[in-house]
């Protein structure tokens, strides 16, 4: 018979999948956060990488005052 630690099992389920976690140049984990906005009566979305929920909110606040279109994306090179 196997004993399962339910606290560890719950913690594991609440962790994001590996593709939604990356590390910065100093090895600190960053997480992918979903953003939503309204335009023309519809809801649209984007995402941002941040260190925490609070950091994601700070990034959104910065976007409110300085966001601009940098250009159209034509391709992407995977790491």
N, C-alpha and C. Protein backbone atom coordinates (compact mmCIF):
# COMPACT_ATOMS: atom_id res chain seq x y z
N UNK A 1 0.84 -1.17 0.00
CA UNK A 1 0.00 0.00 0.00
C UNK A 1 0.89 1.24 0.00
N UNK A 2 0.51 2.25 -0.79
CA UNK A 2 1.25 3.51 -0.87
C UNK A 2 0.52 4.59 -0.09
N UNK A 3 1.29 5.41 0.60
CA UNK A 3 0.73 6.53 1.32
C UNK A 3 0.96 7.78 0.48
N UNK A 4 -0.10 8.54 0.27
CA UNK A 4 -0.02 9.77 -0.53
C UNK A 4 -0.15 10.96 0.40
N UNK A 5 0.80 11.89 0.29
CA UNK A 5 0.75 13.14 1.05
C UNK A 5 -0.17 14.10 0.28
N UNK A 6 -1.36 14.31 0.78
CA UNK A 6 -2.35 15.14 0.07
C UNK A 6 -1.91 16.59 -0.05
N UNK A 7 -1.18 17.10 0.95
CA UNK A 7 -0.69 18.48 0.86
C UNK A 7 0.25 18.65 -0.33
N UNK A 8 1.14 17.68 -0.52
CA UNK A 8 2.07 17.75 -1.66
C UNK A 8 1.33 17.58 -2.98
N UNK A 9 0.36 16.70 -3.02
CA UNK A 9 -0.42 16.49 -4.23
C UNK A 9 -1.19 17.76 -4.61
N UNK A 10 -1.79 18.43 -3.64
CA UNK A 10 -2.52 19.69 -3.91
C UNK A 10 -1.57 20.77 -4.40
N UNK A 11 -0.42 20.89 -3.75
CA UNK A 11 0.55 21.91 -4.13
C UNK A 11 1.03 21.67 -5.56
N UNK A 12 1.23 20.42 -5.93
CA UNK A 12 1.69 20.09 -7.27
C UNK A 12 0.64 20.46 -8.31
N UNK A 13 -0.65 20.24 -8.01
CA UNK A 13 -1.73 20.57 -8.94
C UNK A 13 -1.87 22.07 -9.12
N UNK A 14 -1.50 22.84 -8.12
CA UNK A 14 -1.67 24.29 -8.19
C UNK A 14 -0.49 24.98 -8.85
N UNK A 15 0.56 24.25 -9.14
CA UNK A 15 1.71 24.82 -9.83
C UNK A 15 1.43 24.93 -11.32
N UNK A 16 1.95 25.98 -11.98
CA UNK A 16 1.75 26.09 -13.43
C UNK A 16 2.53 25.00 -14.17
N UNK A 17 2.05 24.65 -15.35
CA UNK A 17 2.78 23.71 -16.19
C UNK A 17 4.12 24.31 -16.58
N UNK A 18 5.08 23.46 -16.90
CA UNK A 18 6.46 23.88 -17.16
C UNK A 18 6.57 24.93 -18.27
N UNK A 19 5.73 24.85 -19.29
CA UNK A 19 5.84 25.80 -20.40
C UNK A 19 5.40 27.21 -20.02
N UNK A 20 4.83 27.37 -18.82
CA UNK A 20 4.39 28.68 -18.35
C UNK A 20 5.28 29.24 -17.26
N UNK A 21 6.47 28.64 -17.13
CA UNK A 21 7.47 29.11 -16.17
C UNK A 21 8.79 29.18 -16.92
N UNK A 22 9.49 30.29 -16.74
CA UNK A 22 10.83 30.42 -17.31
C UNK A 22 11.73 31.09 -16.27
N UNK A 23 13.00 31.13 -16.53
CA UNK A 23 13.94 31.76 -15.60
C UNK A 23 14.60 32.94 -16.27
N UNK A 24 14.78 34.02 -15.50
CA UNK A 24 15.47 35.19 -16.05
C UNK A 24 16.97 34.94 -16.06
N UNK A 25 17.75 35.94 -16.45
CA UNK A 25 19.19 35.78 -16.57
C UNK A 25 19.89 35.52 -15.24
N UNK A 26 19.18 35.75 -14.14
CA UNK A 26 19.75 35.51 -12.81
C UNK A 26 19.21 34.22 -12.19
N UNK A 27 18.41 33.48 -12.94
CA UNK A 27 17.87 32.22 -12.45
C UNK A 27 16.57 32.34 -11.67
N UNK A 28 16.01 33.55 -11.58
CA UNK A 28 14.75 33.74 -10.85
C UNK A 28 13.58 33.29 -11.71
N UNK A 29 12.60 32.60 -11.11
CA UNK A 29 11.47 32.14 -11.91
C UNK A 29 10.55 33.29 -12.30
N UNK A 30 10.05 33.22 -13.53
CA UNK A 30 9.05 34.15 -14.04
C UNK A 30 7.87 33.32 -14.50
N UNK A 31 6.68 33.88 -14.37
CA UNK A 31 5.46 33.16 -14.67
C UNK A 31 4.67 33.91 -15.73
N UNK A 32 3.92 33.17 -16.53
CA UNK A 32 3.12 33.77 -17.59
C UNK A 32 1.74 34.13 -17.03
N UNK A 33 1.33 35.39 -17.22
CA UNK A 33 0.04 35.88 -16.75
C UNK A 33 -0.80 36.29 -17.95
N UNK A 34 -2.08 35.98 -17.89
CA UNK A 34 -3.02 36.36 -18.95
C UNK A 34 -3.55 37.76 -18.67
N UNK A 35 -3.68 38.55 -19.73
CA UNK A 35 -4.24 39.89 -19.65
C UNK A 35 -5.52 39.92 -20.48
N UNK A 36 -6.47 40.74 -20.10
CA UNK A 36 -7.72 40.87 -20.85
C UNK A 36 -8.06 42.35 -20.97
N UNK A 37 -8.61 42.72 -22.12
CA UNK A 37 -9.06 44.09 -22.32
C UNK A 37 -10.27 44.08 -23.24
N UNK A 38 -11.04 45.16 -23.16
CA UNK A 38 -12.26 45.31 -23.95
C UNK A 38 -12.02 46.30 -25.09
N UNK A 39 -12.52 45.94 -26.27
CA UNK A 39 -12.44 46.85 -27.41
C UNK A 39 -13.54 46.48 -28.39
N UNK A 40 -14.29 47.49 -28.85
CA UNK A 40 -15.36 47.29 -29.82
C UNK A 40 -16.37 46.24 -29.36
N UNK A 41 -16.66 46.23 -28.06
CA UNK A 41 -17.66 45.31 -27.52
C UNK A 41 -17.20 43.87 -27.38
N UNK A 42 -15.92 43.62 -27.55
CA UNK A 42 -15.39 42.26 -27.44
C UNK A 42 -14.26 42.24 -26.42
N UNK A 43 -13.99 41.07 -25.90
CA UNK A 43 -12.87 40.89 -24.98
C UNK A 43 -11.71 40.27 -25.73
N UNK A 44 -10.55 40.87 -25.57
CA UNK A 44 -9.32 40.42 -26.22
C UNK A 44 -8.31 40.04 -25.15
N UNK A 45 -7.24 39.38 -25.54
CA UNK A 45 -6.26 38.97 -24.56
C UNK A 45 -4.84 39.08 -25.05
N UNK A 46 -3.95 39.08 -24.11
CA UNK A 46 -2.51 39.08 -24.35
C UNK A 46 -1.89 38.39 -23.14
N UNK A 47 -0.59 38.24 -23.16
CA UNK A 47 0.06 37.69 -21.98
C UNK A 47 1.34 38.44 -21.68
N UNK A 48 1.81 38.28 -20.47
CA UNK A 48 3.02 38.96 -20.02
C UNK A 48 3.75 38.03 -19.04
N UNK A 49 5.06 38.09 -19.06
CA UNK A 49 5.87 37.34 -18.09
C UNK A 49 6.18 38.26 -16.92
N UNK A 50 6.01 37.75 -15.70
CA UNK A 50 6.25 38.55 -14.50
C UNK A 50 6.70 37.64 -13.37
N UNK A 51 7.27 38.24 -12.34
CA UNK A 51 7.77 37.48 -11.19
C UNK A 51 6.66 37.07 -10.22
N UNK A 52 5.57 37.83 -10.21
CA UNK A 52 4.46 37.57 -9.28
C UNK A 52 3.22 38.28 -9.82
N UNK A 53 2.08 38.03 -9.16
CA UNK A 53 0.85 38.72 -9.54
C UNK A 53 1.01 40.23 -9.39
N UNK A 54 1.65 40.64 -8.30
CA UNK A 54 1.86 42.08 -8.06
C UNK A 54 2.76 42.67 -9.14
N UNK A 55 3.79 41.94 -9.54
CA UNK A 55 4.67 42.41 -10.61
C UNK A 55 3.90 42.51 -11.92
N UNK A 56 3.02 41.56 -12.20
CA UNK A 56 2.19 41.62 -13.40
C UNK A 56 1.31 42.87 -13.38
N UNK A 57 0.73 43.19 -12.23
CA UNK A 57 -0.08 44.40 -12.11
C UNK A 57 0.76 45.65 -12.36
N UNK A 58 1.99 45.68 -11.87
CA UNK A 58 2.89 46.82 -12.10
C UNK A 58 3.19 46.97 -13.58
N UNK A 59 3.39 45.84 -14.25
CA UNK A 59 3.68 45.89 -15.69
C UNK A 59 2.49 46.42 -16.47
N UNK A 60 1.28 46.00 -16.09
CA UNK A 60 0.07 46.52 -16.74
C UNK A 60 -0.06 48.02 -16.51
N UNK A 61 0.23 48.48 -15.30
CA UNK A 61 0.18 49.92 -15.01
C UNK A 61 1.17 50.67 -15.90
N UNK A 62 2.36 50.12 -16.09
CA UNK A 62 3.34 50.76 -16.96
C UNK A 62 2.86 50.78 -18.40
N UNK A 63 2.18 49.70 -18.81
CA UNK A 63 1.64 49.65 -20.18
C UNK A 63 0.59 50.74 -20.40
N UNK A 64 -0.20 51.01 -19.37
CA UNK A 64 -1.25 52.03 -19.51
C UNK A 64 -0.69 53.39 -19.92
N UNK A 65 0.53 53.69 -19.49
CA UNK A 65 1.09 55.01 -19.79
C UNK A 65 2.11 55.00 -20.93
N UNK A 66 2.62 53.82 -21.30
CA UNK A 66 3.70 53.86 -22.29
C UNK A 66 3.63 52.80 -23.39
N UNK A 67 2.58 52.02 -23.46
CA UNK A 67 2.48 50.95 -24.46
C UNK A 67 2.38 51.52 -25.86
N UNK A 68 3.12 50.92 -26.79
CA UNK A 68 3.04 51.32 -28.19
C UNK A 68 3.26 50.07 -29.06
N UNK A 69 2.91 50.19 -30.32
CA UNK A 69 3.13 49.11 -31.26
C UNK A 69 4.57 49.19 -31.75
N UNK A 70 5.33 48.13 -31.54
CA UNK A 70 6.74 48.12 -31.95
C UNK A 70 6.90 47.64 -33.40
N UNK A 71 5.92 46.93 -33.92
CA UNK A 71 5.99 46.44 -35.29
C UNK A 71 5.22 45.13 -35.42
N UNK A 72 5.02 44.70 -36.65
CA UNK A 72 4.30 43.45 -36.91
C UNK A 72 5.28 42.29 -36.81
N UNK A 73 4.85 41.19 -36.19
CA UNK A 73 5.67 39.99 -36.05
C UNK A 73 5.49 39.13 -37.29
N UNK A 74 6.61 38.74 -37.92
CA UNK A 74 6.56 37.90 -39.10
C UNK A 74 7.01 36.48 -38.83
N UNK A 75 7.90 36.30 -37.87
CA UNK A 75 8.38 34.97 -37.52
C UNK A 75 8.98 35.00 -36.12
N UNK A 76 9.26 33.85 -35.62
CA UNK A 76 9.84 33.74 -34.28
C UNK A 76 10.85 32.62 -34.29
N UNK A 77 11.97 32.84 -33.66
CA UNK A 77 13.03 31.83 -33.58
C UNK A 77 12.97 31.22 -32.18
N UNK A 78 12.75 29.93 -32.11
CA UNK A 78 12.68 29.24 -30.82
C UNK A 78 14.07 29.11 -30.22
N UNK A 79 14.13 29.17 -28.91
CA UNK A 79 15.42 29.01 -28.21
C UNK A 79 15.95 27.61 -28.35
